[in-house]
């Protein structure tokens, strides 16, 4: 089982291409019964996830430590 944590701690901009890559990665991880977690997303970028309803698709945690605590 793949368990992957992506932290967005220093990310200030997220392009639509990057969102597409995240969705592809999510699907590939799901195919292997794995788990993909995202953390440390700044409020402006998180709004993009909310608007596109991707906050419902991805497992998002406030911090990496909190994500790892649930692993």
C-alpha atoms as a PDB file:
ATOM      1  CA  UNK A   1       0.000   0.000   0.000  1.00  0.00           C
ATOM      2  CA  UNK A   2       1.282   3.390  -0.973  1.00  0.00           C
ATOM      3  CA  UNK A   3       0.909   6.114   1.624  1.00  0.00           C
ATOM      4  CA  UNK A   4       1.870   9.517   0.320  1.00  0.00           C
ATOM      5  CA  UNK A   5       1.854  12.900   2.040  1.00  0.00           C
ATOM      6  CA  UNK A   6       2.264  16.068  -0.013  1.00  0.00           C
ATOM      7  CA  UNK A   7       2.878  19.219   1.956  1.00  0.00           C
ATOM      8  CA  UNK A   8       2.080  22.580   0.392  1.00  0.00           C
ATOM      9  CA  UNK A   9       3.959  24.557   3.049  1.00  0.00           C
ATOM     10  CA  UNK A  10       5.919  26.771   0.610  1.00  0.00           C
ATOM     11  CA  UNK A  11       3.409  26.714  -2.263  1.00  0.00           C
ATOM     12  CA  UNK A  12       2.003  30.124  -3.159  1.00  0.00           C
ATOM     13  CA  UNK A  13       0.414  29.316  -6.530  1.00  0.00           C
ATOM     14  CA  UNK A  14      -1.235  26.213  -7.969  1.00  0.00           C
ATOM     15  CA  UNK A  15      -1.909  26.009 -11.698  1.00  0.00           C
ATOM     16  CA  UNK A  16      -4.759  24.097 -13.285  1.00  0.00           C
ATOM     17  CA  UNK A  17      -2.158  21.713 -14.742  1.00  0.00           C
ATOM     18  CA  UNK A  18      -0.909  20.980 -11.233  1.00  0.00           C
ATOM     19  CA  UNK A  19      -4.483  20.295 -10.087  1.00  0.00           C
ATOM     20  CA  UNK A  20      -4.862  17.868 -12.980  1.00  0.00           C
ATOM     21  CA  UNK A  21      -1.665  16.101 -11.961  1.00  0.00           C
ATOM     22  CA  UNK A  22      -2.902  15.830  -8.375  1.00  0.00           C
ATOM     23  CA  UNK A  23      -6.149  14.247  -9.557  1.00  0.00           C
ATOM     24  CA  UNK A  24      -4.197  11.756 -11.697  1.00  0.00           C
ATOM     25  CA  UNK A  25      -1.936  10.939  -8.753  1.00  0.00           C
ATOM     26  CA  UNK A  26      -4.967  10.506  -6.493  1.00  0.00           C
ATOM     27  CA  UNK A  27      -6.527   8.053  -8.947  1.00  0.00           C
ATOM     28  CA  UNK A  28      -3.310   6.023  -9.296  1.00  0.00           C
ATOM     29  CA  UNK A  29      -2.865   5.813  -5.539  1.00  0.00           C
ATOM     30  CA  UNK A  30      -6.509   4.742  -5.114  1.00  0.00           C
ATOM     31  CA  UNK A  31      -6.031   1.973  -7.711  1.00  0.00           C
ATOM     32  CA  UNK A  32      -3.430   0.393  -5.438  1.00  0.00           C
ATOM     33  CA  UNK A  33      -5.674   0.814  -2.371  1.00  0.00           C
ATOM     34  CA  UNK A  34      -3.257   3.485  -1.179  1.00  0.00           C
ATOM     35  CA  UNK A  35      -3.673   6.758   0.592  1.00  0.00           C
ATOM     36  CA  UNK A  36      -2.828  10.278  -0.557  1.00  0.00           C
ATOM     37  CA  UNK A  37      -2.871  13.086   1.993  1.00  0.00           C
ATOM     38  CA  UNK A  38      -2.311  16.816   1.504  1.00  0.00           C
ATOM     39  CA  UNK A  39      -1.282  19.256   4.224  1.00  0.00           C
ATOM     40  CA  UNK A  40      -0.231  22.809   4.997  1.00  0.00           C
ATOM     41  CA  UNK A  41      -2.321  24.388   2.239  1.00  0.00           C
ATOM     42  CA  UNK A  42      -2.487  28.160   2.530  1.00  0.00           C
ATOM     43  CA  UNK A  43      -5.983  29.738   2.647  1.00  0.00           C
ATOM     44  CA  UNK A  44      -5.890  31.172  -0.894  1.00  0.00           C
ATOM     45  CA  UNK A  45      -4.980  27.831  -2.429  1.00  0.00           C
ATOM     46  CA  UNK A  46      -7.457  26.010  -0.210  1.00  0.00           C
ATOM     47  CA  UNK A  47     -10.190  28.231  -1.683  1.00  0.00           C
ATOM     48  CA  UNK A  48      -9.378  26.751  -5.098  1.00  0.00           C
ATOM     49  CA  UNK A  49      -9.886  23.262  -3.648  1.00  0.00           C
ATOM     50  CA  UNK A  50     -13.235  24.380  -2.181  1.00  0.00           C
ATOM     51  CA  UNK A  51     -14.464  26.109  -5.348  1.00  0.00           C
ATOM     52  CA  UNK A  52     -13.610  23.089  -7.492  1.00  0.00           C
ATOM     53  CA  UNK A  53     -14.979  20.751  -4.791  1.00  0.00           C
ATOM     54  CA  UNK A  54     -11.627  18.982  -4.719  1.00  0.00           C
ATOM     55  CA  UNK A  55     -11.612  19.401  -0.941  1.00  0.00           C
ATOM     56  CA  UNK A  56     -14.129  16.527  -0.998  1.00  0.00           C
ATOM     57  CA  UNK A  57     -11.878  14.333  -3.136  1.00  0.00           C
ATOM     58  CA  UNK A  58      -8.610  14.799  -1.278  1.00  0.00           C
ATOM     59  CA  UNK A  59      -7.781  13.975   2.312  1.00  0.00           C
ATOM     60  CA  UNK A  60      -6.571  17.388   3.529  1.00  0.00           C
ATOM     61  CA  UNK A  61      -4.981  18.057   6.932  1.00  0.00           C
ATOM     62  CA  UNK A  62      -3.995  21.386   8.499  1.00  0.00           C
ATOM     63  CA  UNK A  63      -0.413  20.225   9.171  1.00  0.00           C
ATOM     64  CA  UNK A  64       1.885  17.368   8.169  1.00  0.00           C
ATOM     65  CA  UNK A  65       2.118  16.284  11.818  1.00  0.00           C
ATOM     66  CA  UNK A  66      -1.654  15.935  12.009  1.00  0.00           C
ATOM     67  CA  UNK A  67      -1.704  13.967   8.765  1.00  0.00           C
ATOM     68  CA  UNK A  68       0.983  11.606  10.015  1.00  0.00           C
ATOM     69  CA  UNK A  69      -0.829  11.206  13.295  1.00  0.00           C
ATOM     70  CA  UNK A  70      -3.769   9.738  11.408  1.00  0.00           C
ATOM     71  CA  UNK A  71      -1.641   7.401   9.251  1.00  0.00           C
END
